Each structure stands twice: as structure tokens, then as C-alpha cells.
Amino acid sequence: MKLTRKLRPSIWESRSAEAACRRCVLAIMLAVSLLNCTAHGGPSKAETVLANVAKDVVIPLEAEQKKNPLPDSDEIVIQGQQLFLQSCALCHGADGRGRTELGRNMYPPAMDMTSPHVQHWSDAEMFWIIQNGVRLTGMPSWNSSISEADTWKLVRFVHNLPRIDAMPAAKAVPPNAPAVPESDARLTKYGRTLYRQEGCFVCHALNGEGGKVGPDLTTEGARGRTDEWLIGHFKDPSAYVHGSVMPPFKSLTDEQLQALTRFLQKQTKRAR
């Protein structure tokens, strides 16, 4: 009589089966939540939880074994911040809290990078999410435009955001943050970058491109408003324009507000 020996599954097989089960359950829950799939209103608490859980579930087990090869130094954090401002701030905001107009109107909204949910991810898990993205959450794959080395820098910066956020108000800007250029041309260029990063184009048109929720900014510089008025308006829109639905730009420093103001004051072309 031939006997067969029952083999004990390996740890990896057990973990793989567990991960597959979690994915199956998540898929069913997402299918139920998407029965009413319009994005006119904000997502329910359950939908938001599901979308956030999705980011945890999709990370393959082998990806969790990677180690960040870069040191957790100020130099690396600063480099990571510059990359974040260039590629991530449009949705997540310059401070990582996702308060931009675009980020808040995503379905589900862009995640707060300082939140416990994001901060509990290991370096390897965050690296995988940035490189590969997560379907149905608005998080794209960046592996074709951000190198692995730069992704590790981003990971270092994001994991340092709570420390940066906890600094006293006088030191709220990350250590050695990129200084606002002094020359007029470079200041205007920096303001143009901030205009894109903060999602201003979502509501405003500029030279024929952008939304129509707010006024066309093509001729903003010819309206006779002072720099002080524009900066005050950025900080508290409803105090300057009655009934304004524009959110306050609380995440920008005074220097960044000056750059954005300089850029808008240069917009004097007459609309066609």
C-alpha cells in the first residue's frame, strides 16, 4: 500500500494564500461599494477605508523585503522634498496633507502623507506604491518618470513629514528648504511652478487653458490689484471676495505666496 506524506505548507505559501484571500475579500467589497459609482459627492467613510486598505493589500510580499539604500540624512530629505514639490504636490499639497483643490476632489481624496495610515508603511512598501501606483485610487505609477534612487529619496522625505510638521511655527519650513529665487525672472518661474503644483488651473483659466469655476487669470496683472491684496486673498479668500469658494492657501510660506503673486502680476495679455 503506497502512503503519501502530507507536506506542511511553507511560510511563503501560507502568506501568499492569506494575501490572495485578502485581495478576494477586498474585490468583493469594492464591487459592492461601486454600485453607485458617480463621483459627484464625497466618498463615504466605508469607501475611503476600502480605498486606503487597497493600498495595503496590493503590495506583493516580495516587495516588502527591499531595504532603503539611502541614509536618513538632511541632504537626502531635502532632495526628496524637491522631488515631492515637482511630482507630488499637485495632488498632495506642498505640506503633504492633500489640501489642494485637485487632491480634495479626487475620488477618494488624495491621502494625507502625515497620517498614521501612510506613516505605518515601511520604506519598501511606500517605494512599491510610488513606483507601481494603485488602481481605482487616483495614485498613478511613477516608474517611468521617477528613478528608483529618486523614489527612495521621496520615501525618506515623506517619512520625515511628521517631524517637519511638528516644528515650531517659526521653523515650519523644512530644513534648508529650496529658497525662493531672488531675480524677477526666476521668481516668476517659481510662481508658475507653484501655480501648477497647487492645482490653480483646476478652477482658473490661463491663456485659454484651465477651468471656469473661478475668474480667468489671463489678465490678472492688468486688474490693478496690489501684491498685498493678492497675498491677503490667498490667505483668506472670503475676506477679500464675498462668497468666494476658493480655499485658503495655508500650506504656502510667505515667500511662496510672493512668488505666486509675482507670476500672476505678469499675466497682462488680453484674452482673444
Protein backbone atom coordinates (compact mmCIF):
# COMPACT_ATOMS: atom_id res chain seq x y z
CA MET A 1 0.00 0.00 0.00
CA LYS A 2 1.51 3.29 -1.10
CA LEU A 3 1.49 6.01 1.51
CA THR A 4 1.55 9.67 0.67
CA ARG A 5 3.09 12.15 3.04
CA LYS A 6 1.20 15.37 3.69
CA LEU A 7 3.62 18.20 3.28
CA ARG A 8 3.38 21.19 5.57
CA PRO A 9 2.95 24.39 3.53
CA SER A 10 5.90 26.77 3.64
CA ILE A 11 5.65 30.15 5.35
CA TRP A 12 5.69 31.86 1.96
CA GLU A 13 2.87 29.66 0.66
CA SER A 14 0.79 30.44 3.74
CA ARG A 15 1.41 34.15 3.43
CA SER A 16 0.67 34.08 -0.30
CA ALA A 17 -2.63 32.30 0.34
CA GLU A 18 -3.50 34.82 3.03
CA ALA A 19 -2.72 37.73 0.70
CA ALA A 20 -4.81 36.17 -2.09
CA CYS A 21 -7.72 35.78 0.32
CA ARG A 22 -7.43 39.41 1.40
CA ARG A 23 -7.46 40.54 -2.23
CA CYS A 24 -10.54 38.46 -2.95
CA VAL A 25 -12.45 39.92 0.01
CA LEU A 26 -11.38 43.44 -0.94
CA ALA A 27 -12.51 42.94 -4.56
CA ILE A 28 -15.98 41.87 -3.40
CA MET A 29 -16.27 44.83 -1.00
CA LEU A 30 -15.14 47.28 -3.67
CA ALA A 31 -17.63 45.86 -6.16
CA VAL A 32 -20.45 46.43 -3.68
CA SER A 33 -19.31 49.96 -2.89
CA LEU A 34 -19.11 50.87 -6.59
CA LEU A 35 -22.75 50.02 -7.33
CA ASN A 36 -23.38 53.76 -7.03
CA CYS A 37 -20.22 54.80 -8.83
CA THR A 38 -20.72 58.50 -9.51
CA ALA A 39 -18.17 60.90 -8.04
CA HIS A 40 -20.45 63.90 -7.57
CA GLY A 41 -20.35 63.68 -3.79
CA GLY A 42 -17.56 62.87 -1.39
CA PRO A 43 -16.84 59.19 -0.74
CA SER A 44 -18.47 57.59 2.26
CA LYS A 45 -16.33 56.61 5.23
CA ALA A 46 -16.56 52.98 4.17
CA GLU A 47 -15.41 53.77 0.63
CA THR A 48 -12.50 55.81 1.91
CA VAL A 49 -11.45 52.99 4.23
CA LEU A 50 -11.67 50.49 1.38
CA ALA A 51 -9.60 52.67 -0.93
CA ASN A 52 -6.96 53.09 1.76
CA VAL A 53 -6.94 49.37 2.55
CA ALA A 54 -6.45 48.72 -1.17
CA LYS A 55 -3.04 50.35 -0.95
CA ASP A 56 -2.05 47.87 1.76
CA VAL A 57 -3.42 44.77 0.06
CA VAL A 58 -1.88 45.26 -3.38
CA ILE A 59 1.72 45.35 -2.12
CA PRO A 60 3.29 42.00 -3.07
CA LEU A 61 5.07 40.14 -0.29
CA GLU A 62 8.40 40.10 -2.10
CA ALA A 63 8.36 43.91 -2.31
CA GLU A 64 8.37 44.17 1.47
CA GLN A 65 11.88 42.71 1.60
CA LYS A 66 13.57 45.72 -0.01
CA LYS A 67 15.76 48.00 2.09
CA ASN A 68 16.22 51.73 1.57
CA PRO A 69 19.84 52.10 0.40
CA LEU A 70 19.95 55.84 1.17
CA PRO A 71 20.79 57.33 4.59
CA ASP A 72 18.16 59.23 6.56
CA SER A 73 20.14 62.47 6.32
CA ASP A 74 19.08 66.10 5.91
CA GLU A 75 20.66 66.17 2.47
CA ILE A 76 18.59 63.20 1.24
CA VAL A 77 15.42 64.60 2.85
CA ILE A 78 15.93 67.96 1.09
CA GLN A 79 16.43 66.22 -2.25
CA GLY A 80 13.29 64.19 -1.59
CA GLN A 81 11.37 67.38 -0.82
CA GLN A 82 12.37 68.93 -4.14
CA LEU A 83 11.15 65.81 -5.97
CA PHE A 84 7.91 65.88 -3.96
CA LEU A 85 7.24 69.51 -4.93
CA GLN A 86 7.85 68.69 -8.59
CA SER A 87 5.79 65.50 -8.87
CA CYS A 88 3.51 65.00 -5.85
CA ALA A 89 2.44 68.41 -4.52
CA LEU A 90 -0.15 68.89 -7.25
CA CYS A 91 -2.41 66.35 -5.52
CA HIS A 92 -0.92 66.03 -2.04
CA GLY A 93 -0.03 69.70 -1.43
CA ALA A 94 3.34 71.22 -0.62
CA ASP A 95 2.92 70.11 3.01
CA GLY A 96 1.74 66.61 2.06
CA ARG A 97 -1.70 66.99 3.61
CA GLY A 98 -3.68 66.68 0.38
CA ARG A 99 -5.46 70.01 0.76
CA THR A 100 -5.11 71.11 -2.85
CA GLU A 101 -8.25 71.64 -4.88
CA LEU A 102 -7.35 68.71 -7.12
CA GLY A 103 -6.42 66.40 -4.25
CA ARG A 104 -9.58 67.08 -2.27
CA ASN A 105 -11.82 66.49 -5.30
CA MET A 106 -10.30 63.16 -6.24
CA TYR A 107 -12.41 60.08 -5.51
CA PRO A 108 -11.24 59.06 -2.96
CA PRO A 109 -9.35 62.24 -1.92
CA ALA A 110 -5.56 62.26 -2.06
CA MET A 111 -4.13 60.85 1.15
CA ASP A 112 -2.60 62.95 3.91
CA MET A 113 1.06 61.95 3.83
CA THR A 114 1.43 62.81 7.52
CA SER A 115 -1.41 60.48 8.57
CA PRO A 116 -0.76 57.35 10.66
CA HIS A 117 -2.08 55.21 7.80
CA VAL A 118 0.66 56.43 5.44
CA GLN A 119 3.36 56.62 8.08
CA HIS A 120 2.86 52.98 9.11
CA TRP A 121 4.08 51.81 5.69
CA SER A 122 7.67 50.63 5.66
CA ASP A 123 10.17 52.23 3.29
CA ALA A 124 9.81 49.22 0.97
CA GLU A 125 6.01 49.39 0.92
CA MET A 126 5.97 53.11 0.18
CA PHE A 127 8.61 52.59 -2.52
CA TRP A 128 6.40 49.97 -4.21
CA ILE A 129 3.30 52.19 -4.13
CA ILE A 130 5.13 55.16 -5.67
CA GLN A 131 6.70 53.04 -8.38
CA ASN A 132 3.60 50.99 -9.26
CA GLY A 133 0.58 53.08 -8.28
CA VAL A 134 -2.77 51.67 -7.10
CA ARG A 135 -5.72 51.18 -9.41
CA LEU A 136 -9.04 52.90 -8.63
CA THR A 137 -7.45 55.28 -6.12
CA GLY A 138 -6.03 58.00 -8.38
CA MET A 139 -2.45 57.07 -7.43
CA PRO A 140 -0.53 56.67 -10.71
CA SER A 141 2.59 54.63 -11.42
CA TRP A 142 5.75 56.74 -11.44
CA ASN A 143 8.25 54.08 -12.52
CA SER A 144 8.61 55.59 -15.99
CA SER A 145 9.39 59.11 -14.77
CA ILE A 146 10.96 58.76 -11.31
CA SER A 147 14.07 56.60 -10.92
CA GLU A 148 14.43 54.08 -8.13
CA ALA A 149 17.09 56.24 -6.46
CA ASP A 150 14.80 59.29 -6.51
CA THR A 151 11.89 57.17 -5.24
CA TRP A 152 13.94 56.21 -2.19
CA LYS A 153 14.60 59.94 -1.62
CA LEU A 154 10.85 60.60 -1.77
CA VAL A 155 10.29 57.86 0.81
CA ARG A 156 12.79 59.49 3.17
CA PHE A 157 11.07 62.87 2.80
CA VAL A 158 7.55 61.51 3.35
CA HIS A 159 8.62 59.63 6.47
CA ASN A 160 10.12 62.87 7.80
CA LEU A 161 6.96 64.94 7.22
CA PRO A 162 5.56 64.44 10.78
CA ARG A 163 8.84 65.72 12.23
CA ILE A 164 8.83 68.71 9.90
CA ASP A 165 5.15 69.39 10.67
CA ALA A 166 5.85 69.32 14.42
CA MET A 167 8.41 72.12 14.21
CA PRO A 168 7.54 75.48 15.84
CA ALA A 169 5.79 77.94 13.55
CA ALA A 170 8.97 79.95 13.08
CA LYS A 171 10.68 76.83 11.73
CA ALA A 172 7.74 75.29 9.93
CA VAL A 173 9.58 75.25 6.61
CA PRO A 174 11.58 72.00 6.16
CA PRO A 175 15.29 72.37 6.96
CA ASN A 176 17.17 74.08 4.16
CA ALA A 177 14.05 74.16 2.00
CA PRO A 178 14.69 75.48 -1.51
CA ALA A 179 14.89 79.25 -1.24
CA VAL A 180 12.67 81.39 -3.41
CA PRO A 181 14.84 82.77 -6.24
CA GLU A 182 15.66 86.45 -5.88
CA SER A 183 15.69 87.60 -9.51
CA ASP A 184 12.40 88.68 -11.05
CA ALA A 185 12.58 86.12 -13.87
CA ARG A 186 13.39 83.22 -11.57
CA LEU A 187 10.78 84.31 -9.03
CA THR A 188 8.16 84.38 -11.79
CA LYS A 189 9.24 80.91 -12.96
CA TYR A 190 8.93 79.60 -9.41
CA GLY A 191 5.46 81.13 -9.18
CA ARG A 192 4.46 79.33 -12.39
CA THR A 193 5.59 76.04 -10.83
CA LEU A 194 3.53 76.73 -7.71
CA TYR A 195 0.52 77.62 -9.89
CA ARG A 196 0.64 74.09 -11.31
CA GLN A 197 1.56 72.35 -8.06
CA GLU A 198 -1.30 73.90 -6.12
CA GLY A 199 -3.82 72.98 -8.81
CA CYS A 200 -4.90 76.58 -9.58
CA PHE A 201 -5.63 75.55 -13.17
CA VAL A 202 -8.41 73.24 -11.98
CA CYS A 203 -10.64 76.26 -11.28
CA HIS A 204 -8.99 79.07 -13.27
CA ALA A 205 -8.24 79.52 -16.94
CA LEU A 206 -4.93 80.98 -18.09
CA ASN A 207 -4.22 81.71 -21.73
CA GLY A 208 -7.11 79.51 -22.83
CA GLU A 209 -6.28 76.52 -20.61
CA GLY A 210 -7.89 75.54 -17.33
CA GLY A 211 -11.23 75.51 -15.55
CA LYS A 212 -14.03 78.02 -15.45
CA VAL A 213 -15.08 77.87 -11.80
CA GLY A 214 -13.11 81.00 -10.92
CA PRO A 215 -12.21 84.09 -12.96
CA ASP A 216 -9.89 83.91 -15.96
CA LEU A 217 -6.37 84.85 -14.81
CA THR A 218 -5.00 85.68 -18.26
CA THR A 219 -5.21 89.41 -17.47
CA GLU A 220 -4.79 89.26 -13.69
CA GLY A 221 -1.78 91.56 -13.77
CA ALA A 222 -3.76 94.28 -15.55
CA ARG A 223 -6.52 94.46 -12.94
CA GLY A 224 -4.67 96.95 -10.74
CA ARG A 225 -4.54 94.81 -7.62
CA THR A 226 -1.54 95.22 -5.33
CA ASP A 227 0.75 92.42 -4.24
CA GLU A 228 -0.54 92.87 -0.69
CA TRP A 229 -4.13 92.39 -1.85
CA LEU A 230 -3.31 89.18 -3.73
CA ILE A 231 -1.32 87.70 -0.85
CA GLY A 232 -4.11 88.55 1.60
CA HIS A 233 -6.62 87.00 -0.79
CA PHE A 234 -4.57 83.78 -0.98
CA LYS A 235 -4.53 83.56 2.80
CA ASP A 236 -8.24 84.31 3.34
CA PRO A 237 -10.22 84.48 0.06
CA SER A 238 -13.67 85.06 1.58
CA ALA A 239 -12.39 88.12 3.47
CA TYR A 240 -11.50 89.79 0.17
CA VAL A 241 -14.20 88.46 -2.16
CA HIS A 242 -17.63 87.95 -0.65
CA GLY A 243 -18.95 84.44 -1.21
CA SER A 244 -15.64 83.11 -2.55
CA VAL A 245 -15.40 79.31 -2.63
CA MET A 246 -11.65 79.37 -3.09
CA PRO A 247 -9.80 77.55 -0.27
CA PRO A 248 -7.12 79.43 1.71
CA PHE A 249 -3.52 78.63 0.82
CA LYS A 250 -2.45 77.79 4.37
CA SER A 251 0.27 75.38 3.29
CA LEU A 252 2.32 78.01 1.41
CA THR A 253 5.02 80.08 3.04
CA ASP A 254 5.11 83.88 2.68
CA GLU A 255 7.97 83.51 0.18
CA GLN A 256 5.95 81.07 -1.92
CA LEU A 257 2.93 83.40 -1.85
CA GLN A 258 5.16 86.21 -3.09
CA ALA A 259 6.36 84.04 -5.97
CA LEU A 260 2.82 83.06 -6.93
CA THR A 261 1.78 86.72 -6.74
CA ARG A 262 4.70 87.76 -8.95
CA PHE A 263 3.70 85.17 -11.54
CA LEU A 264 0.08 86.36 -11.62
CA GLN A 265 1.09 90.02 -11.82
CA LYS A 266 2.96 89.16 -15.03
CA GLN A 267 -0.25 87.95 -16.66
CA THR A 268 -1.29 91.02 -18.66
CA LYS A 269 -2.16 89.59 -22.08
CA ARG A 270 -5.59 90.42 -23.38
CA ALA A 271 -7.82 87.40 -23.87
CA ARG A 272 -8.53 86.62 -27.53
